[in-house]
Each structure stands twice: as structure tokens, then as C-alpha cells.
Amino acid sequence: MKIKFIAIAIVSTLIFISCGDGKKKDKNPVENVKEEVQADPIKEEVVTTTSEKIDLTAPTLDNKGIGPVKSVTLEAIDEKLVEKGKELYKTNCTACHKLKKRYIGPALKGVTDRRSPEWIMNMILNADEMLANDPVAKALISEYNAPMAQQQISKEEARAILEYFRTKK
């Protein structure tokens, strides 16, 4: 009987210890929530394997990425394309991305202000090669520890998703 009690006490203690994150908690949980809501979800510099620091919040509009998209001409927003992109985003992207907050992947609101249209489309179409060879994509994988899944999306569908992102600034 004593052995069972000791075993249960040890297991309970281990479970209790593993539930905490080892950090002191502030006494006022409301302030913690305010800080989380106000914090920009992507503000850290990430050190890549080449010891090069990349600020993920800084625009890299000159980087076109690696893949089939070499040039994108943006004109007035095409509402039909936006609707198609919105549906494709819901179907293919929302498992890992949210628009306004960090999730498994980065928040995508304002992505067109941070990345070139070509980079965005190449990341959608050619994620594996981008994650292996593009410095910004490498920094993202280092930050999020979750590679972007290949979605088997066509170039036209990627363009529709880009058009949807253009409306989310």
C-alpha cells in the first residue's frame, strides 16, 4: 500500500512540474493579455545557419524568391480573383496561417507590404526549394520550426491568393 502511495505521489509531482513553463507568472493576468494583444507577432531577428541576421518585419521587396514566378504585374484589384483567392486561402492556408496573428506559420495580414508578389507566389508554389535556399524563407523556418506544406496549387490559384492578400493590409 505504501509503495502505491509513493508511486502515485511521484507521478503526480512529475505531472504537476511538467505543466508549468518554469517562468514566474505576473500577479495580474489581465496585464499579460493586454501585452500579448499589443505585441507585434513578427518582431524578432532570426539568426540563420549562415550567421546572417534577417529582420522578418523588414520589407524584402527586391527578393523575388526561387521558383517559376519571375515577374508579376499588379494592376487594379480584381474582385473576382479576390473571391477565388479567399476561398483558396480558407481551404489551403488556414490550417497553419491566420491573418492577424501568429499561428503555426506567420500572420499574413500586410504580407504584400513585406514581400514581393513574386516571392509570395514562389513560396506558395515552391516551398521546399524556397525553405532550402531563400534567406528569408530560411529565417521563417528557423523562427516557426514548421515547414510550409506543398499544397499542389496552380500558378493561377497562387495568383488568386496573392490578389486576396493584396486586400488584407
C-alpha atoms as a PDB file:
ATOM      1  CA  MET A   1       0.000   0.000   0.000  1.00  0.00           C
ATOM      2  CA  LYS A   2       2.828   2.390   0.889  1.00  0.00           C
ATOM      3  CA  ILE A   3       4.580   1.715  -2.420  1.00  0.00           C
ATOM      4  CA  LYS A   4       1.416   2.531  -4.385  1.00  0.00           C
ATOM      5  CA  PHE A   5       1.028   5.787  -2.463  1.00  0.00           C
ATOM      6  CA  ILE A   6       4.661   6.773  -3.079  1.00  0.00           C
ATOM      7  CA  ALA A   7       4.380   5.899  -6.806  1.00  0.00           C
ATOM      8  CA  ILE A   8       1.196   7.949  -7.152  1.00  0.00           C
ATOM      9  CA  ALA A   9       2.821  10.875  -5.310  1.00  0.00           C
ATOM     10  CA  ILE A  10       5.885  10.773  -7.584  1.00  0.00           C
ATOM     11  CA  VAL A  11       3.806  10.580 -10.778  1.00  0.00           C
ATOM     12  CA  SER A  12       1.537  13.401  -9.565  1.00  0.00           C
ATOM     13  CA  THR A  13       4.556  15.564  -8.740  1.00  0.00           C
ATOM     14  CA  LEU A  14       6.101  14.955 -12.162  1.00  0.00           C
ATOM     15  CA  ILE A  15       2.856  15.815 -13.916  1.00  0.00           C
ATOM     16  CA  PHE A  16       2.468  18.957 -11.820  1.00  0.00           C
ATOM     17  CA  ILE A  17       6.048  20.057 -12.558  1.00  0.00           C
ATOM     18  CA  SER A  18       5.740  19.373 -16.298  1.00  0.00           C
ATOM     19  CA  CYS A  19       2.607  21.520 -16.590  1.00  0.00           C
ATOM     20  CA  GLY A  20       4.440  24.737 -15.696  1.00  0.00           C
ATOM     21  CA  ASP A  21       6.813  26.565 -18.028  1.00  0.00           C
ATOM     22  CA  GLY A  22       9.261  27.399 -15.244  1.00  0.00           C
ATOM     23  CA  LYS A  23       8.642  31.162 -15.535  1.00  0.00           C
ATOM     24  CA  LYS A  24       7.231  33.338 -12.784  1.00  0.00           C
ATOM     25  CA  LYS A  25       3.724  34.479 -13.558  1.00  0.00           C
ATOM     26  CA  ASP A  26       2.685  38.085 -13.074  1.00  0.00           C
ATOM     27  CA  LYS A  27       0.052  38.608 -10.411  1.00  0.00           C
ATOM     28  CA  ASN A  28      -2.246  40.479 -12.785  1.00  0.00           C
ATOM     29  CA  PRO A  29      -3.273  38.178 -15.679  1.00  0.00           C
ATOM     30  CA  VAL A  30      -5.220  40.995 -17.388  1.00  0.00           C
ATOM     31  CA  GLU A  31      -1.976  42.917 -18.000  1.00  0.00           C
ATOM     32  CA  ASN A  32      -0.461  39.805 -19.598  1.00  0.00           C
ATOM     33  CA  VAL A  33      -3.364  39.598 -22.028  1.00  0.00           C
ATOM     34  CA  LYS A  34      -3.000  43.274 -22.929  1.00  0.00           C
ATOM     35  CA  GLU A  35       0.687  42.811 -23.646  1.00  0.00           C
ATOM     36  CA  GLU A  36       0.031  39.785 -25.857  1.00  0.00           C
ATOM     37  CA  VAL A  37      -2.641  41.596 -27.866  1.00  0.00           C
ATOM     38  CA  GLN A  38      -0.464  44.676 -28.345  1.00  0.00           C
ATOM     39  CA  ALA A  39       2.677  42.744 -29.278  1.00  0.00           C
ATOM     40  CA  ASP A  40       3.567  42.582 -32.956  1.00  0.00           C
ATOM     41  CA  PRO A  41       3.570  38.865 -33.830  1.00  0.00           C
ATOM     42  CA  ILE A  42       6.715  39.011 -36.001  1.00  0.00           C
ATOM     43  CA  LYS A  43       9.268  41.342 -34.451  1.00  0.00           C
ATOM     44  CA  GLU A  44      12.273  39.201 -33.762  1.00  0.00           C
ATOM     45  CA  GLU A  45      15.502  38.971 -35.655  1.00  0.00           C
ATOM     46  CA  VAL A  46      16.355  35.421 -36.595  1.00  0.00           C
ATOM     47  CA  VAL A  47      19.856  34.055 -36.960  1.00  0.00           C
ATOM     48  CA  THR A  48      20.100  31.768 -39.951  1.00  0.00           C
ATOM     49  CA  THR A  49      22.615  28.982 -40.414  1.00  0.00           C
ATOM     50  CA  THR A  50      24.940  31.416 -42.211  1.00  0.00           C
ATOM     51  CA  SER A  51      25.067  33.682 -39.113  1.00  0.00           C
ATOM     52  CA  GLU A  52      23.246  36.342 -41.121  1.00  0.00           C
ATOM     53  CA  LYS A  53      20.500  38.193 -39.237  1.00  0.00           C
ATOM     54  CA  ILE A  54      17.242  38.831 -41.013  1.00  0.00           C
ATOM     55  CA  ASP A  55      14.594  41.079 -39.528  1.00  0.00           C
ATOM     56  CA  LEU A  56      11.375  39.351 -40.534  1.00  0.00           C
ATOM     57  CA  THR A  57       9.415  42.599 -40.144  1.00  0.00           C
ATOM     58  CA  ALA A  58      11.631  44.463 -42.606  1.00  0.00           C
ATOM     59  CA  PRO A  59      10.385  44.551 -46.190  1.00  0.00           C
ATOM     60  CA  THR A  60      12.361  42.465 -48.682  1.00  0.00           C
ATOM     61  CA  LEU A  61      10.531  43.628 -51.785  1.00  0.00           C
ATOM     62  CA  ASP A  62      13.569  43.212 -54.042  1.00  0.00           C
ATOM     63  CA  ASN A  63      13.743  39.460 -53.301  1.00  0.00           C
ATOM     64  CA  LYS A  64      11.699  37.570 -55.900  1.00  0.00           C
ATOM     65  CA  GLY A  65      12.336  34.169 -54.351  1.00  0.00           C
ATOM     66  CA  ILE A  66      13.135  30.924 -56.126  1.00  0.00           C
ATOM     67  CA  GLY A  67      10.643  29.285 -58.418  1.00  0.00           C
ATOM     68  CA  PRO A  68       8.593  29.579 -61.559  1.00  0.00           C
ATOM     69  CA  VAL A  69       7.356  33.147 -60.997  1.00  0.00           C
ATOM     70  CA  LYS A  70       9.855  35.668 -62.351  1.00  0.00           C
ATOM     71  CA  SER A  71       7.613  38.707 -62.755  1.00  0.00           C
ATOM     72  CA  VAL A  72       4.147  39.777 -61.629  1.00  0.00           C
ATOM     73  CA  THR A  73       2.404  42.878 -62.936  1.00  0.00           C
ATOM     74  CA  LEU A  74      -0.076  44.258 -60.429  1.00  0.00           C
ATOM     75  CA  GLU A  75      -2.955  46.356 -61.659  1.00  0.00           C
ATOM     76  CA  ALA A  76      -6.221  47.417 -60.030  1.00  0.00           C
ATOM     77  CA  ILE A  77      -7.578  44.806 -57.645  1.00  0.00           C
ATOM     78  CA  ASP A  78      -9.667  42.190 -59.451  1.00  0.00           C
ATOM     79  CA  GLU A  79     -12.640  41.380 -57.176  1.00  0.00           C
ATOM     80  CA  LYS A  80     -13.381  38.045 -58.904  1.00  0.00           C
ATOM     81  CA  LEU A  81      -9.782  36.975 -58.337  1.00  0.00           C
ATOM     82  CA  VAL A  82     -10.005  38.167 -54.709  1.00  0.00           C
ATOM     83  CA  GLU A  83     -13.062  35.968 -54.096  1.00  0.00           C
ATOM     84  CA  LYS A  84     -11.354  32.957 -55.656  1.00  0.00           C
ATOM     85  CA  GLY A  85      -8.226  33.665 -53.592  1.00  0.00           C
ATOM     86  CA  LYS A  86     -10.270  33.997 -50.415  1.00  0.00           C
ATOM     87  CA  GLU A  87     -11.809  30.555 -50.944  1.00  0.00           C
ATOM     88  CA  LEU A  88      -8.418  29.023 -51.779  1.00  0.00           C
ATOM     89  CA  TYR A  89      -6.928  30.641 -48.671  1.00  0.00           C
ATOM     90  CA  LYS A  90      -9.708  29.207 -46.490  1.00  0.00           C
ATOM     91  CA  THR A  91      -9.283  25.743 -47.991  1.00  0.00           C
ATOM     92  CA  ASN A  92      -5.491  25.520 -48.183  1.00  0.00           C
ATOM     93  CA  CYS A  93      -3.908  28.009 -45.786  1.00  0.00           C
ATOM     94  CA  THR A  94      -5.976  28.474 -42.622  1.00  0.00           C
ATOM     95  CA  ALA A  95      -4.775  25.245 -41.028  1.00  0.00           C
ATOM     96  CA  CYS A  96      -1.402  26.968 -40.478  1.00  0.00           C
ATOM     97  CA  HIS A  97      -1.941  30.708 -41.034  1.00  0.00           C
ATOM     98  CA  LYS A  98      -4.164  33.372 -39.544  1.00  0.00           C
ATOM     99  CA  LEU A  99      -4.382  36.853 -40.995  1.00  0.00           C
ATOM    100  CA  LYS A 100      -3.863  38.904 -37.844  1.00  0.00           C
ATOM    101  CA  LYS A 101      -1.867  36.680 -35.525  1.00  0.00           C
ATOM    102  CA  ARG A 102       0.993  34.257 -35.408  1.00  0.00           C
ATOM    103  CA  TYR A 103      -0.123  30.646 -35.570  1.00  0.00           C
ATOM    104  CA  ILE A 104       1.783  27.647 -36.881  1.00  0.00           C
ATOM    105  CA  GLY A 105       3.054  29.985 -39.585  1.00  0.00           C
ATOM    106  CA  PRO A 106       3.354  33.781 -39.668  1.00  0.00           C
ATOM    107  CA  ALA A 107       0.442  36.205 -39.699  1.00  0.00           C
ATOM    108  CA  LEU A 108      -0.340  37.095 -43.306  1.00  0.00           C
ATOM    109  CA  LYS A 109      -2.011  40.483 -42.897  1.00  0.00           C
ATOM    110  CA  GLY A 110       0.199  43.006 -44.694  1.00  0.00           C
ATOM    111  CA  VAL A 111       2.401  40.329 -46.270  1.00  0.00           C
ATOM    112  CA  THR A 112       2.285  42.238 -49.566  1.00  0.00           C
ATOM    113  CA  ASP A 113       3.955  45.170 -47.794  1.00  0.00           C
ATOM    114  CA  ARG A 114       6.803  42.914 -46.588  1.00  0.00           C
ATOM    115  CA  ARG A 115       7.389  40.559 -49.529  1.00  0.00           C
ATOM    116  CA  SER A 116       7.351  40.941 -53.298  1.00  0.00           C
ATOM    117  CA  PRO A 117       4.456  39.424 -55.267  1.00  0.00           C
ATOM    118  CA  GLU A 118       6.906  37.033 -56.930  1.00  0.00           C
ATOM    119  CA  TRP A 119       8.300  35.919 -53.556  1.00  0.00           C
ATOM    120  CA  ILE A 120       4.799  35.252 -52.196  1.00  0.00           C
ATOM    121  CA  MET A 121       3.787  33.204 -55.225  1.00  0.00           C
ATOM    122  CA  ASN A 122       7.094  31.300 -55.285  1.00  0.00           C
ATOM    123  CA  MET A 123       6.684  30.482 -51.582  1.00  0.00           C
ATOM    124  CA  ILE A 124       3.224  29.077 -52.296  1.00  0.00           C
ATOM    125  CA  LEU A 125       4.322  27.168 -55.409  1.00  0.00           C
ATOM    126  CA  ASN A 126       7.861  26.118 -54.498  1.00  0.00           C
ATOM    127  CA  ALA A 127       8.018  25.969 -50.699  1.00  0.00           C
ATOM    128  CA  ASP A 128      10.597  23.178 -50.408  1.00  0.00           C
ATOM    129  CA  GLU A 129      13.225  24.899 -52.552  1.00  0.00           C
ATOM    130  CA  MET A 130      12.454  28.300 -51.007  1.00  0.00           C
ATOM    131  CA  LEU A 131      12.925  26.900 -47.489  1.00  0.00           C
ATOM    132  CA  ALA A 132      16.206  25.306 -48.528  1.00  0.00           C
ATOM    133  CA  ASN A 133      17.726  28.219 -50.461  1.00  0.00           C
ATOM    134  CA  ASP A 134      15.973  31.562 -49.904  1.00  0.00           C
ATOM    135  CA  PRO A 135      17.383  33.569 -46.943  1.00  0.00           C
ATOM    136  CA  VAL A 136      14.013  34.994 -45.846  1.00  0.00           C
ATOM    137  CA  ALA A 137      12.297  31.598 -46.093  1.00  0.00           C
ATOM    138  CA  LYS A 138      15.180  30.064 -44.111  1.00  0.00           C
ATOM    139  CA  ALA A 139      14.709  32.700 -41.406  1.00  0.00           C
ATOM    140  CA  LEU A 140      10.985  31.930 -41.319  1.00  0.00           C
ATOM    141  CA  ILE A 141      11.571  28.189 -40.901  1.00  0.00           C
ATOM    142  CA  SER A 142      14.081  28.955 -38.168  1.00  0.00           C
ATOM    143  CA  GLU A 143      11.509  31.153 -36.402  1.00  0.00           C
ATOM    144  CA  TYR A 144       8.458  28.906 -36.790  1.00  0.00           C
ATOM    145  CA  ASN A 145      10.025  25.425 -36.822  1.00  0.00           C
ATOM    146  CA  ALA A 146       7.310  24.201 -39.170  1.00  0.00           C
ATOM    147  CA  PRO A 147       7.936  23.896 -42.907  1.00  0.00           C
ATOM    148  CA  MET A 148       5.274  25.149 -45.266  1.00  0.00           C
ATOM    149  CA  ALA A 149       3.457  22.227 -46.814  1.00  0.00           C
ATOM    150  CA  GLN A 150       3.267  21.867 -50.575  1.00  0.00           C
ATOM    151  CA  GLN A 151      -0.399  22.427 -51.469  1.00  0.00           C
ATOM    152  CA  GLN A 152      -0.390  21.379 -55.130  1.00  0.00           C
ATOM    153  CA  ILE A 153      -1.697  24.810 -56.097  1.00  0.00           C
ATOM    154  CA  SER A 154      -1.501  26.017 -59.682  1.00  0.00           C
ATOM    155  CA  LYS A 155       0.168  29.251 -60.724  1.00  0.00           C
ATOM    156  CA  GLU A 156      -3.262  30.783 -61.414  1.00  0.00           C
ATOM    157  CA  GLU A 157      -4.507  29.774 -57.957  1.00  0.00           C
ATOM    158  CA  ALA A 158      -1.378  31.214 -56.325  1.00  0.00           C
ATOM    159  CA  ARG A 159      -2.058  34.456 -58.199  1.00  0.00           C
ATOM    160  CA  ALA A 160      -5.625  34.472 -56.817  1.00  0.00           C
ATOM    161  CA  ILE A 161      -4.317  34.004 -53.259  1.00  0.00           C
ATOM    162  CA  LEU A 162      -1.876  36.861 -53.839  1.00  0.00           C
ATOM    163  CA  GLU A 163      -4.779  39.046 -55.001  1.00  0.00           C
ATOM    164  CA  TYR A 164      -6.668  38.203 -51.806  1.00  0.00           C
ATOM    165  CA  PHE A 165      -3.597  39.114 -49.720  1.00  0.00           C
ATOM    166  CA  ARG A 166      -3.468  42.489 -51.509  1.00  0.00           C
ATOM    167  CA  THR A 167      -6.809  43.348 -49.865  1.00  0.00           C
ATOM    168  CA  LYS A 168      -5.539  42.432 -46.360  1.00  0.00           C
ATOM    169  CA  LYS A 169      -3.275  45.298 -45.328  1.00  0.00           C
END
